[in-house]
Structure formats: C-alpha cells, structure tokens
PDB file of N, CA and C in Angstrom:
ATOM      1  N   MET A   1       0.844  -1.182   0.000  1.00  0.00           N
ATOM      2  CA  MET A   1       0.000   0.000   0.000  1.00  0.00           C
ATOM      3  C   MET A   1       0.885   1.241   0.000  1.00  0.00           C
ATOM      4  N   SER A   2       0.480   2.173  -0.804  1.00  0.00           N
ATOM      5  CA  SER A   2       1.227   3.417  -0.839  1.00  0.00           C
ATOM      6  C   SER A   2       0.775   4.312   0.311  1.00  0.00           C
ATOM      7  N   LYS A   3       1.545   5.326   0.551  1.00  0.00           N
ATOM      8  CA  LYS A   3       1.226   6.270   1.629  1.00  0.00           C
ATOM      9  C   LYS A   3      -0.105   6.965   1.364  1.00  0.00           C
ATOM     10  N   LYS A   4      -0.398   7.276   0.110  1.00  0.00           N
ATOM     11  CA  LYS A   4      -1.649   7.924  -0.259  1.00  0.00           C
ATOM     12  C   LYS A   4      -2.838   7.004   0.032  1.00  0.00           C
ATOM     13  N   GLN A   5      -2.721   5.720  -0.270  1.00  0.00           N
ATOM     14  CA  GLN A   5      -3.781   4.761  -0.017  1.00  0.00           C
ATOM     15  C   GLN A   5      -4.022   4.596   1.487  1.00  0.00           C
ATOM     16  N   ILE A   6      -2.976   4.600   2.264  1.00  0.00           N
ATOM     17  CA  ILE A   6      -3.099   4.481   3.721  1.00  0.00           C
ATOM     18  C   ILE A   6      -3.835   5.691   4.285  1.00  0.00           C
ATOM     19  N   ILE A   7      -3.530   6.866   3.805  1.00  0.00           N
ATOM     20  CA  ILE A   7      -4.201   8.088   4.272  1.00  0.00           C
ATOM     21  C   ILE A   7      -5.683   8.045   3.901  1.00  0.00           C
ATOM     22  N   ILE A   8      -5.997   7.667   2.678  1.00  0.00           N
ATOM     23  CA  ILE A   8      -7.396   7.586   2.236  1.00  0.00           C
ATOM     24  C   ILE A   8      -8.147   6.544   3.063  1.00  0.00           C
ATOM     25  N   PHE A   9      -7.539   5.382   3.274  1.00  0.00           N
ATOM     26  CA  PHE A   9      -8.155   4.335   4.077  1.00  0.00           C
ATOM     27  C   PHE A   9      -8.402   4.830   5.502  1.00  0.00           C
ATOM     28  N   SER A  10      -7.438   5.526   6.087  1.00  0.00           N
ATOM     29  CA  SER A  10      -7.580   6.048   7.443  1.00  0.00           C
ATOM     30  C   SER A  10      -8.708   7.070   7.536  1.00  0.00           C
ATOM     31  N   LEU A  11      -8.815   7.934   6.525  1.00  0.00           N
ATOM     32  CA  LEU A  11      -9.885   8.929   6.510  1.00  0.00           C
ATOM     33  C   LEU A  11     -11.259   8.257   6.404  1.00  0.00           C
ATOM     34  N   ILE A  12     -11.370   7.254   5.550  1.00  0.00           N
ATOM     35  CA  ILE A  12     -12.644   6.541   5.394  1.00  0.00           C
ATOM     36  C   ILE A  12     -13.005   5.803   6.682  1.00  0.00           C
ATOM     37  N   ALA A  13     -12.049   5.123   7.280  1.00  0.00           N
ATOM     38  CA  ALA A  13     -12.301   4.400   8.528  1.00  0.00           C
ATOM     39  C   ALA A  13     -12.691   5.370   9.640  1.00  0.00           C
ATOM     40  N   GLY A  14     -12.041   6.529   9.695  1.00  0.00           N
ATOM     41  CA  GLY A  14     -12.380   7.544  10.699  1.00  0.00           C
ATOM     42  C   GLY A  14     -13.783   8.087  10.497  1.00  0.00           C
ATOM     43  N   ALA A  15     -14.155   8.329   9.244  1.00  0.00           N
ATOM     44  CA  ALA A  15     -15.503   8.836   8.941  1.00  0.00           C
ATOM     45  C   ALA A  15     -16.563   7.802   9.322  1.00  0.00           C
ATOM     46  N   ILE A  16     -16.299   6.534   9.048  1.00  0.00           N
ATOM     47  CA  ILE A  16     -17.245   5.477   9.418  1.00  0.00           C
ATOM     48  C   ILE A  16     -17.365   5.391  10.940  1.00  0.00           C
ATOM     49  N   LEU A  17     -16.261   5.481  11.633  1.00  0.00           N
ATOM     50  CA  LEU A  17     -16.286   5.431  13.101  1.00  0.00           C
ATOM     51  C   LEU A  17     -17.071   6.610  13.679  1.00  0.00           C
ATOM     52  N   ILE A  18     -16.861   7.785  13.148  1.00  0.00           N
ATOM     53  CA  ILE A  18     -17.586   8.976  13.619  1.00  0.00           C
ATOM     54  C   ILE A  18     -19.088   8.824  13.331  1.00  0.00           C
ATOM     55  N   ALA A  19     -19.436   8.313  12.165  1.00  0.00           N
ATOM     56  CA  ALA A  19     -20.845   8.113  11.819  1.00  0.00           C
ATOM     57  C   ALA A  19     -21.495   7.103  12.762  1.00  0.00           C
ATOM     58  N   CYS A  20     -20.782   6.046  13.084  1.00  0.00           N
ATOM     59  CA  CYS A  20     -21.326   5.033  14.009  1.00  0.00           C
ATOM     60  C   CYS A  20     -21.540   5.624  15.401  1.00  0.00           C
ATOM     61  N   ILE A  21     -20.583   6.369  15.888  1.00  0.00           N
ATOM     62  CA  ILE A  21     -20.710   6.992  17.212  1.00  0.00           C
ATOM     63  C   ILE A  21     -21.868   7.991  17.222  1.00  0.00           C
ATOM     64  N   ALA A  22     -21.991   8.783  16.168  1.00  0.00           N
ATOM     65  CA  ALA A  22     -23.097   9.744  16.079  1.00  0.00           C
ATOM     66  C   ALA A  22     -24.437   9.007  16.051  1.00  0.00           C
ATOM     67  N   GLY A  23     -24.520   7.907  15.325  1.00  0.00           N
ATOM     68  CA  GLY A  23     -25.745   7.123  15.280  1.00  0.00           C
ATOM     69  C   GLY A  23     -26.134   6.573  16.642  1.00  0.00           C
ATOM     70  N   ILE A  24     -25.166   6.096  17.390  1.00  0.00           N
ATOM     71  CA  ILE A  24     -25.425   5.577  18.738  1.00  0.00           C
ATOM     72  C   ILE A  24     -25.919   6.696  19.651  1.00  0.00           C
ATOM     73  N   ILE A  25     -25.284   7.832  19.584  1.00  0.00           N
ATOM     74  CA  ILE A  25     -25.691   8.968  20.436  1.00  0.00           C
ATOM     75  C   ILE A  25     -27.107   9.420  20.084  1.00  0.00           C
ATOM     76  N   ILE A  26     -27.404   9.536  18.802  1.00  0.00           N
ATOM     77  CA  ILE A  26     -28.747   9.959  18.387  1.00  0.00           C
ATOM     78  C   ILE A  26     -29.792   8.940  18.822  1.00  0.00           C
ATOM     79  N   THR A  27     -29.500   7.658  18.640  1.00  0.00           N
ATOM     80  CA  THR A  27     -30.442   6.607  19.037  1.00  0.00           C
ATOM     81  C   THR A  27     -30.694   6.640  20.539  1.00  0.00           C
ATOM     82  N   GLN A  28     -29.667   6.820  21.328  1.00  0.00           N
ATOM     83  CA  GLN A  28     -29.825   6.857  22.781  1.00  0.00           C
ATOM     84  C   GLN A  28     -30.644   8.058  23.224  1.00  0.00           C
ATOM     85  N   ASN A  29     -30.484   9.175  22.556  1.00  0.00           N
ATOM     86  CA  ASN A  29     -31.202  10.391  22.947  1.00  0.00           C
ATOM     87  C   ASN A  29     -32.643  10.419  22.475  1.00  0.00           C
ATOM     88  N   THR A  30     -33.010   9.568  21.517  1.00  0.00           N
ATOM     89  CA  THR A  30     -34.380   9.596  21.021  1.00  0.00           C
ATOM     90  C   THR A  30     -35.222   8.439  21.548  1.00  0.00           C
ATOM     91  N   LYS A  31     -34.684   7.638  22.448  1.00  0.00           N
ATOM     92  CA  LYS A  31     -35.480   6.561  23.040  1.00  0.00           C
ATOM     93  C   LYS A  31     -36.618   7.171  23.837  1.00  0.00           C
ATOM     94  N   ARG A  32     -37.805   6.562  23.704  1.00  0.00           N
ATOM     95  CA  ARG A  32     -38.974   7.094  24.391  1.00  0.00           C
ATOM     96  C   ARG A  32     -39.117   6.451  25.756  1.00  0.00           C
ATOM     97  N   ASP A  33     -39.478   7.279  26.731  1.00  0.00           N
ATOM     98  CA  ASP A  33     -39.821   6.777  28.041  1.00  0.00           C
ATOM     99  C   ASP A  33     -41.318   6.559  28.130  1.00  0.00           C
ATOM    100  N   SER A  34     -42.022   6.774  27.044  1.00  0.00           N
ATOM    101  CA  SER A  34     -43.470   6.680  27.064  1.00  0.00           C
ATOM    102  C   SER A  34     -43.934   5.510  26.213  1.00  0.00           C
ATOM    103  N   HIS A  35     -45.206   5.200  26.352  1.00  0.00           N
ATOM    104  CA  HIS A  35     -45.841   4.146  25.588  1.00  0.00           C
ATOM    105  C   HIS A  35     -46.898   4.769  24.679  1.00  0.00           C
ATOM    106  N   VAL A  36     -47.429   3.941  23.792  1.00  0.00           N
ATOM    107  CA  VAL A  36     -48.481   4.391  22.892  1.00  0.00           C
ATOM    108  C   VAL A  36     -49.747   3.611  23.209  1.00  0.00           C
ATOM    109  N   ALA A  37     -50.842   4.330  23.393  1.00  0.00           N
ATOM    110  CA  ALA A  37     -52.141   3.714  23.615  1.00  0.00           C
ATOM    111  C   ALA A  37     -52.850   3.577  22.277  1.00  0.00           C
ATOM    112  N   LEU A  38     -53.373   2.394  22.024  1.00  0.00           N
ATOM    113  CA  LEU A  38     -54.146   2.129  20.817  1.00  0.00           C
ATOM    114  C   LEU A  38     -55.603   1.999  21.239  1.00  0.00           C
ATOM    115  N   ILE A  39     -56.462   2.815  20.662  1.00  0.00           N
ATOM    116  CA  ILE A  39     -57.875   2.804  21.025  1.00  0.00           C
ATOM    117  C   ILE A  39     -58.675   2.226  19.862  1.00  0.00           C
ATOM    118  N   TYR A  40     -59.409   1.159  20.163  1.00  0.00           N
ATOM    119  CA  TYR A  40     -60.225   0.472  19.176  1.00  0.00           C
ATOM    120  C   TYR A  40     -61.697   0.664  19.520  1.00  0.00           C
ATOM    121  N   SER A  41     -62.503   0.903  18.511  1.00  0.00           N
ATOM    122  CA  SER A  41     -63.945   0.954  18.670  1.00  0.00           C
ATOM    123  C   SER A  41     -64.538  -0.015  17.650  1.00  0.00           C
ATOM    124  N   ASP A  42     -65.258  -1.007  18.143  1.00  0.00           N
ATOM    125  CA  ASP A  42     -65.846  -2.034  17.290  1.00  0.00           C
ATOM    126  C   ASP A  42     -64.775  -2.700  16.420  1.00  0.00           C
ATOM    127  N   ASN A  43     -63.634  -3.033  17.042  1.00  0.00           N
ATOM    128  CA  ASN A  43     -62.493  -3.707  16.410  1.00  0.00           C
ATOM    129  C   ASN A  43     -61.786  -2.884  15.328  1.00  0.00           C
ATOM    130  N   VAL A  44     -62.003  -1.575  15.295  1.00  0.00           N
ATOM    131  CA  VAL A  44     -61.329  -0.700  14.336  1.00  0.00           C
ATOM    132  C   VAL A  44     -60.452   0.275  15.117  1.00  0.00           C
ATOM    133  N   LEU A  45     -59.160   0.340  14.754  1.00  0.00           N
ATOM    134  CA  LEU A  45     -58.258   1.285  15.404  1.00  0.00           C
ATOM    135  C   LEU A  45     -58.694   2.696  15.038  1.00  0.00           C
ATOM    136  N   ILE A  46     -59.068   3.493  16.056  1.00  0.00           N
ATOM    137  CA  ILE A  46     -59.549   4.838  15.764  1.00  0.00           C
ATOM    138  C   ILE A  46     -58.585   5.918  16.241  1.00  0.00           C
ATOM    139  N   ARG A  47     -57.656   5.550  17.137  1.00  0.00           N
ATOM    140  CA  ARG A  47     -56.750   6.588  17.636  1.00  0.00           C
ATOM    141  C   ARG A  47     -55.513   5.956  18.260  1.00  0.00           C
ATOM    142  N   GLU A  48     -54.369   6.614  18.049  1.00  0.00           N
ATOM    143  CA  GLU A  48     -53.119   6.252  18.715  1.00  0.00           C
ATOM    144  C   GLU A  48     -52.676   7.468  19.511  1.00  0.00           C
ATOM    145  N   ILE A  49     -52.327   7.233  20.780  1.00  0.00           N
ATOM    146  CA  ILE A  49     -51.951   8.347  21.645  1.00  0.00           C
ATOM    147  C   ILE A  49     -50.639   8.014  22.329  1.00  0.00           C
ATOM    148  N   GLU A  50     -49.651   8.892  22.191  1.00  0.00           N
ATOM    149  CA  GLU A  50     -48.418   8.724  22.940  1.00  0.00           C
ATOM    150  C   GLU A  50     -48.673   9.202  24.369  1.00  0.00           C
ATOM    151  N   LEU A  51     -48.389   8.343  25.321  1.00  0.00           N
ATOM    152  CA  LEU A  51     -48.630   8.674  26.725  1.00  0.00           C
ATOM    153  C   LEU A  51     -47.386   9.340  27.295  1.00  0.00           C
ATOM    154  N   LYS A  52     -47.451  10.647  27.418  1.00  0.00           N
ATOM    155  CA  LYS A  52     -46.326  11.435  27.930  1.00  0.00           C
ATOM    156  C   LYS A  52     -46.590  11.815  29.381  1.00  0.00           C
ATOM    157  N   PRO A  53     -45.554  11.880  30.188  1.00  0.00           N
ATOM    158  CA  PRO A  53     -45.730  12.183  31.610  1.00  0.00           C
ATOM    159  C   PRO A  53     -46.395  13.532  31.893  1.00  0.00           C
ATOM    160  N   ASP A  54     -46.266  14.491  30.997  1.00  0.00           N
ATOM    161  CA  ASP A  54     -46.806  15.833  31.256  1.00  0.00           C
ATOM    162  C   ASP A  54     -48.202  16.054  30.684  1.00  0.00           C
ATOM    163  N   ASP A  55     -48.744  15.077  29.958  1.00  0.00           N
ATOM    164  CA  ASP A  55     -50.050  15.264  29.315  1.00  0.00           C
ATOM    165  C   ASP A  55     -51.200  15.047  30.296  1.00  0.00           C
ATOM    166  N   ASN A  56     -52.181  15.934  30.250  1.00  0.00           N
ATOM    167  CA  ASN A  56     -53.393  15.846  31.055  1.00  0.00           C
ATOM    168  C   ASN A  56     -54.555  16.383  30.222  1.00  0.00           C
ATOM    169  N   TYR A  57     -55.378  15.475  29.690  1.00  0.00           N
ATOM    170  CA  TYR A  57     -56.543  15.895  28.910  1.00  0.00           C
ATOM    171  C   TYR A  57     -57.537  14.737  28.833  1.00  0.00           C
ATOM    172  N   SER A  58     -58.723  15.044  28.361  1.00  0.00           N
ATOM    173  CA  SER A  58     -59.733  14.002  28.166  1.00  0.00           C
ATOM    174  C   SER A  58     -60.450  14.255  26.850  1.00  0.00           C
ATOM    175  N   PHE A  59     -61.113  13.225  26.347  1.00  0.00           N
ATOM    176  CA  PHE A  59     -61.869  13.327  25.105  1.00  0.00           C
ATOM    177  C   PHE A  59     -62.938  12.245  25.112  1.00  0.00           C
ATOM    178  N   GLU A  60     -63.927  12.415  24.251  1.00  0.00           N
ATOM    179  CA  GLU A  60     -65.054  11.477  24.209  1.00  0.00           C
ATOM    180  C   GLU A  60     -64.991  10.625  22.948  1.00  0.00           C
ATOM    181  N   ILE A  61     -65.348   9.363  23.110  1.00  0.00           N
ATOM    182  CA  ILE A  61     -65.452   8.451  21.980  1.00  0.00           C
ATOM    183  C   ILE A  61     -66.881   7.930  21.933  1.00  0.00           C
ATOM    184  N   THR A  62     -67.478   8.015  20.770  1.00  0.00           N
ATOM    185  CA  THR A  62     -68.820   7.485  20.570  1.00  0.00           C
ATOM    186  C   THR A  62     -68.719   6.265  19.659  1.00  0.00           C
ATOM    187  N   SER A  63     -69.233   5.146  20.119  1.00  0.00           N
ATOM    188  CA  SER A  63     -69.175   3.907  19.341  1.00  0.00           C
ATOM    189  C   SER A  63     -70.206   3.960  18.212  1.00  0.00           C
ATOM    190  N   PRO A  64     -70.047   3.094  17.218  1.00  0.00           N
ATOM    191  CA  PRO A  64     -71.028   3.054  16.130  1.00  0.00           C
ATOM    192  C   PRO A  64     -72.452   2.788  16.622  1.00  0.00           C
ATOM    193  N   SER A  65     -72.587   2.104  17.762  1.00  0.00           N
ATOM    194  CA  SER A  65     -73.925   1.823  18.298  1.00  0.00           C
ATOM    195  C   SER A  65     -74.457   2.977  19.155  1.00  0.00           C
ATOM    196  N   GLY A  66     -73.645   4.029  19.333  1.00  0.00           N
ATOM    197  CA  GLY A  66     -74.087   5.210  20.074  1.00  0.00           C
ATOM    198  C   GLY A  66     -73.586   5.298  21.504  1.00  0.00           C
ATOM    199  N   GLY A  67     -72.904   4.263  22.001  1.00  0.00           N
ATOM    200  CA  GLY A  67     -72.359   4.297  23.359  1.00  0.00           C
ATOM    201  C   GLY A  67     -71.239   5.317  23.487  1.00  0.00           C
ATOM    202  N   LYS A  68     -71.146   5.955  24.655  1.00  0.00           N
ATOM    203  CA  LYS A  68     -70.135   7.004  24.851  1.00  0.00           C
ATOM    204  C   LYS A  68     -69.226   6.675  26.018  1.00  0.00           C
ATOM    205  N   ASN A  69     -67.923   6.916  25.799  1.00  0.00           N
ATOM    206  CA  ASN A  69     -66.907   6.780  26.833  1.00  0.00           C
ATOM    207  C   ASN A  69     -66.074   8.052  26.841  1.00  0.00           C
ATOM    208  N   VAL A  70     -65.783   8.561  28.025  1.00  0.00           N
ATOM    209  CA  VAL A  70     -64.863   9.687  28.158  1.00  0.00           C
ATOM    210  C   VAL A  70     -63.531   9.106  28.596  1.00  0.00           C
ATOM    211  N   ILE A  71     -62.513   9.321  27.773  1.00  0.00           N
ATOM    212  CA  ILE A  71     -61.174   8.802  28.011  1.00  0.00           C
ATOM    213  C   ILE A  71     -60.346   9.914  28.632  1.00  0.00           C
ATOM    214  N   ILE A  72     -59.542   9.550  29.638  1.00  0.00           N
ATOM    215  CA  ILE A  72     -58.669  10.529  30.277  1.00  0.00           C
ATOM    216  C   ILE A  72     -57.216  10.079  30.140  1.00  0.00           C
ATOM    217  N   VAL A  73     -56.365  11.018  29.762  1.00  0.00           N
ATOM    218  CA  VAL A  73     -54.919  10.812  29.712  1.00  0.00           C
ATOM    219  C   VAL A  73     -54.336  11.696  30.805  1.00  0.00           C
ATOM    220  N   HIS A  74     -53.619  11.060  31.726  1.00  0.00           N
ATOM    221  CA  HIS A  74     -53.131  11.808  32.884  1.00  0.00           C
ATOM    222  C   HIS A  74     -51.776  11.252  33.317  1.00  0.00           C
ATOM    223  N   GLU A  75     -50.750  12.084  33.220  1.00  0.00           N
ATOM    224  CA  GLU A  75     -49.406  11.770  33.694  1.00  0.00           C
ATOM    225  C   GLU A  75     -48.891  10.412  33.205  1.00  0.00           C
ATOM    226  N   GLY A  76     -49.005  10.184  31.896  1.00  0.00           N
ATOM    227  CA  GLY A  76     -48.462   8.976  31.300  1.00  0.00           C
ATOM    228  C   GLY A  76     -49.352   7.756  31.400  1.00  0.00           C
ATOM    229  N   LYS A  77     -50.578   7.918  31.872  1.00  0.00           N
ATOM    230  CA  LYS A  77     -51.522   6.802  31.971  1.00  0.00           C
ATOM    231  C   LYS A  77     -52.799   7.157  31.224  1.00  0.00           C
ATOM    232  N   ILE A  78     -53.571   6.125  30.880  1.00  0.00           N
ATOM    233  CA  ILE A  78     -54.839   6.326  30.192  1.00  0.00           C
ATOM    234  C   ILE A  78     -55.904   5.476  30.869  1.00  0.00           C
ATOM    235  N   GLY A  79     -57.117   5.999  30.896  1.00  0.00           N
ATOM    236  CA  GLY A  79     -58.214   5.268  31.504  1.00  0.00           C
ATOM    237  C   GLY A  79     -59.548   5.804  31.022  1.00  0.00           C
ATOM    238  N   VAL A  80     -60.612   5.169  31.498  1.00  0.00           N
ATOM    239  CA  VAL A  80     -61.957   5.610  31.157  1.00  0.00           C
ATOM    240  C   VAL A  80     -62.499   6.388  32.352  1.00  0.00           C
ATOM    241  N   GLN A  81     -62.797   7.650  32.129  1.00  0.00           N
ATOM    242  CA  GLN A  81     -63.289   8.527  33.198  1.00  0.00           C
ATOM    243  C   GLN A  81     -64.778   8.311  33.438  1.00  0.00           C
ATOM    244  N   SER A  82     -65.540   8.163  32.358  1.00  0.00           N
ATOM    245  CA  SER A  82     -66.979   7.898  32.493  1.00  0.00           C
ATOM    246  C   SER A  82     -67.464   7.166  31.252  1.00  0.00           C
ATOM    247  N   ALA A  83     -68.595   6.476  31.430  1.00  0.00           N
ATOM    248  CA  ALA A  83     -69.187   5.719  30.329  1.00  0.00           C
ATOM    249  C   ALA A  83     -70.680   5.600  30.562  1.00  0.00           C
ATOM    250  N   ASP A  84     -71.422   5.491  29.470  1.00  0.00           N
ATOM    251  CA  ASP A  84     -72.866   5.332  29.608  1.00  0.00           C
ATOM    252  C   ASP A  84     -73.291   3.863  29.578  1.00  0.00           C
ATOM    253  N   CYS A  85     -72.338   2.951  29.732  1.00  0.00           N
ATOM    254  CA  CYS A  85     -72.654   1.524  29.773  1.00  0.00           C
ATOM    255  C   CYS A  85     -73.242   1.170  31.138  1.00  0.00           C
ATOM    256  N   PRO A  86     -73.989   0.083  31.216  1.00  0.00           N
ATOM    257  CA  PRO A  86     -74.659  -0.239  32.474  1.00  0.00           C
ATOM    258  C   PRO A  86     -73.738  -0.743  33.586  1.00  0.00           C
ATOM    259  N   ASP A  87     -72.660  -1.452  33.252  1.00  0.00           N
ATOM    260  CA  ASP A  87     -71.872  -2.078  34.314  1.00  0.00           C
ATOM    261  C   ASP A  87     -70.690  -1.250  34.825  1.00  0.00           C
ATOM    262  N   LYS A  88     -70.189  -0.303  34.057  1.00  0.00           N
ATOM    263  CA  LYS A  88     -69.090   0.603  34.442  1.00  0.00           C
ATOM    264  C   LYS A  88     -67.788  -0.130  34.800  1.00  0.00           C
ATOM    265  N   ILE A  89     -67.595  -1.339  34.284  1.00  0.00           N
ATOM    266  CA  ILE A  89     -66.347  -2.057  34.553  1.00  0.00           C
ATOM    267  C   ILE A  89     -65.159  -1.270  34.014  1.00  0.00           C
ATOM    268  N   CYS A  90     -65.314  -0.673  32.842  1.00  0.00           N
ATOM    269  CA  CYS A  90     -64.226   0.101  32.242  1.00  0.00           C
ATOM    270  C   CYS A  90     -63.857   1.303  33.106  1.00  0.00           C
ATOM    271  N   VAL A  91     -64.840   1.925  33.726  1.00  0.00           N
ATOM    272  CA  VAL A  91     -64.589   3.086  34.586  1.00  0.00           C
ATOM    273  C   VAL A  91     -63.856   2.657  35.853  1.00  0.00           C
ATOM    274  N   ASN A  92     -64.185   1.473  36.355  1.00  0.00           N
ATOM    275  CA  ASN A  92     -63.575   0.964  37.586  1.00  0.00           C
ATOM    276  C   ASN A  92     -62.242   0.263  37.351  1.00  0.00           C
ATOM    277  N   THR A  93     -61.860   0.087  36.094  1.00  0.00           N
ATOM    278  CA  THR A  93     -60.557  -0.491  35.774  1.00  0.00           C
ATOM    279  C   THR A  93     -59.480   0.570  36.021  1.00  0.00           C
ATOM    280  N   PRO A  94     -58.392   0.205  36.724  1.00  0.00           N
ATOM    281  CA  PRO A  94     -57.323   1.194  36.954  1.00  0.00           C
ATOM    282  C   PRO A  94     -56.739   1.710  35.637  1.00  0.00           C
ATOM    283  N   HIS A  95     -56.302   2.939  35.659  1.00  0.00           N
ATOM    284  CA  HIS A  95     -55.650   3.518  34.486  1.00  0.00           C
ATOM    285  C   HIS A  95     -54.373   2.744  34.208  1.00  0.00           C
ATOM    286  N   VAL A  96     -54.020   2.637  32.935  1.00  0.00           N
ATOM    287  CA  VAL A  96     -52.885   1.807  32.543  1.00  0.00           C
ATOM    288  C   VAL A  96     -51.810   2.627  31.838  1.00  0.00           C
ATOM    289  N   SER A  97     -50.587   2.086  31.913  1.00  0.00           N
ATOM    290  CA  SER A  97     -49.466   2.694  31.198  1.00  0.00           C
ATOM    291  C   SER A  97     -48.530   1.625  30.640  1.00  0.00           C
ATOM    292  N   ASP A  98     -48.924   0.366  30.726  1.00  0.00           N
ATOM    293  CA  ASP A  98     -48.095  -0.714  30.201  1.00  0.00           C
ATOM    294  C   ASP A  98     -48.960  -1.751  29.490  1.00  0.00           C
ATOM    295  N   GLU A  99     -48.288  -2.746  28.926  1.00  0.00           N
ATOM    296  CA  GLU A  99     -48.955  -3.724  28.068  1.00  0.00           C
ATOM    297  C   GLU A  99     -49.657  -4.837  28.838  1.00  0.00           C
ATOM    298  N   ILE A 100     -49.589  -4.846  30.141  1.00  0.00           N
ATOM    299  CA  ILE A 100     -50.050  -5.985  30.922  1.00  0.00           C
ATOM    300  C   ILE A 100     -51.533  -6.278  30.731  1.00  0.00           C
ATOM    301  N   SER A 101     -52.371  -5.277  30.850  1.00  0.00           N
ATOM    302  CA  SER A 101     -53.809  -5.524  30.796  1.00  0.00           C
ATOM    303  C   SER A 101     -54.513  -4.398  30.043  1.00  0.00           C
ATOM    304  N   PRO A 102     -55.339  -4.740  29.056  1.00  0.00           N
ATOM    305  CA  PRO A 102     -56.075  -3.693  28.341  1.00  0.00           C
ATOM    306  C   PRO A 102     -57.286  -3.231  29.148  1.00  0.00           C
ATOM    307  N   ILE A 103     -57.842  -2.120  28.747  1.00  0.00           N
ATOM    308  CA  ILE A 103     -59.114  -1.647  29.302  1.00  0.00           C
ATOM    309  C   ILE A 103     -60.183  -1.981  28.273  1.00  0.00           C
ATOM    310  N   VAL A 104     -61.273  -2.591  28.729  1.00  0.00           N
ATOM    311  CA  VAL A 104     -62.313  -3.040  27.818  1.00  0.00           C
ATOM    312  C   VAL A 104     -63.670  -2.567  28.311  1.00  0.00           C
ATOM    313  N   CYS A 105     -64.464  -2.035  27.400  1.00  0.00           N
ATOM    314  CA  CYS A 105     -65.872  -1.723  27.653  1.00  0.00           C
ATOM    315  C   CYS A 105     -66.669  -2.560  26.651  1.00  0.00           C
ATOM    316  N   MET A 106     -67.121  -3.717  27.105  1.00  0.00           N
ATOM    317  CA  MET A 106     -67.826  -4.636  26.213  1.00  0.00           C
ATOM    318  C   MET A 106     -69.123  -4.046  25.646  1.00  0.00           C
ATOM    319  N   PRO A 107     -69.961  -3.392  26.467  1.00  0.00           N
ATOM    320  CA  PRO A 107     -71.212  -2.865  25.900  1.00  0.00           C
ATOM    321  C   PRO A 107     -70.988  -1.848  24.782  1.00  0.00           C
ATOM    322  N   ASN A 108     -69.938  -1.011  24.927  1.00  0.00           N
ATOM    323  CA  ASN A 108     -69.665   0.022  23.922  1.00  0.00           C
ATOM    324  C   ASN A 108     -68.605  -0.411  22.906  1.00  0.00           C
ATOM    325  N   LYS A 109     -68.141  -1.662  22.997  1.00  0.00           N
ATOM    326  CA  LYS A 109     -67.161  -2.229  22.072  1.00  0.00           C
ATOM    327  C   LYS A 109     -65.895  -1.378  21.982  1.00  0.00           C
ATOM    328  N   LEU A 110     -65.392  -0.963  23.150  1.00  0.00           N
ATOM    329  CA  LEU A 110     -64.186  -0.133  23.245  1.00  0.00           C
ATOM    330  C   LEU A 110     -63.065  -0.957  23.863  1.00  0.00           C
ATOM    331  N   VAL A 111     -61.880  -0.881  23.281  1.00  0.00           N
ATOM    332  CA  VAL A 111     -60.696  -1.541  23.824  1.00  0.00           C
ATOM    333  C   VAL A 111     -59.536  -0.566  23.766  1.00  0.00           C
ATOM    334  N   ILE A 112     -58.806  -0.455  24.880  1.00  0.00           N
ATOM    335  CA  ILE A 112     -57.601   0.385  24.935  1.00  0.00           C
ATOM    336  C   ILE A 112     -56.449  -0.528  25.278  1.00  0.00           C
ATOM    337  N   LYS A 113     -55.472  -0.607  24.354  1.00  0.00           N
ATOM    338  CA  LYS A 113     -54.271  -1.425  24.541  1.00  0.00           C
ATOM    339  C   LYS A 113     -53.054  -0.519  24.544  1.00  0.00           C
ATOM    340  N   ILE A 114     -52.013  -0.943  25.236  1.00  0.00           N
ATOM    341  CA  ILE A 114     -50.749  -0.204  25.250  1.00  0.00           C
ATOM    342  C   ILE A 114     -49.711  -1.005  24.491  1.00  0.00           C
ATOM    343  N   LYS A 115     -48.917  -0.306  23.692  1.00  0.00           N
ATOM    344  CA  LYS A 115     -47.784  -0.988  23.023  1.00  0.00           C
ATOM    345  C   LYS A 115     -46.509  -0.271  23.358  1.00  0.00           C
TER     346      LYS A 115
END
C-alpha cells in the first residue's frame, strides 16, 4: 500500500467510526420513556396516543352503536373517566401505562391497549 492509499483508508475508517458513534448517540437520545395507547372501537383502530408524563386531557369516543366513553390521559396513563354503559367495569378499571392488561368496555365495544 502506498502512503496515499493508507491516508485515504484512514480517513474513510475515521468517517465510518464517527458516523457510528453519532448514530449511537442519536439513538440513545431519542429513546422514548413513554408508551403508545391504541384505542379500538368495534375492532377498528380509531386513535393512537403517545402517553407522555406531562399530558393531562380528556376526550369522548362514541361507538357506532351510540355508546359514549370519556377517556382521560393523565401523567403517562390512560383510563376511562366515564361511560354510559350499564356495568361501568371500564370506569372501575385502573388507568394503565403498560402492556399488561387492556381496558375493555364490552357494551360500547371499546378496547384500549398499550404498546
């Protein structure tokens, strides 16, 4: 190898190393500490919500059959604040922030899953 080839090889290897280090740093800084809630109504995905620790809001979902659920997002968790279903199991289900257990309102055909 000539001296010129060694210099070119060194520059290319250095550029690849710098690119790899930059990629690792960017990947580490963009990792999410939050989860995404998937909201299904009558087996159709109707909304995806990133659960962020600072978010606090609510919104209403009306099922195709007319049933209504008020969903609350609070400090990285999601739950059902109120519902017009007769049993209120969804309202009494603890708010979730992980994949362990979904929230289900069978009468209104609502399912909230975390991914």
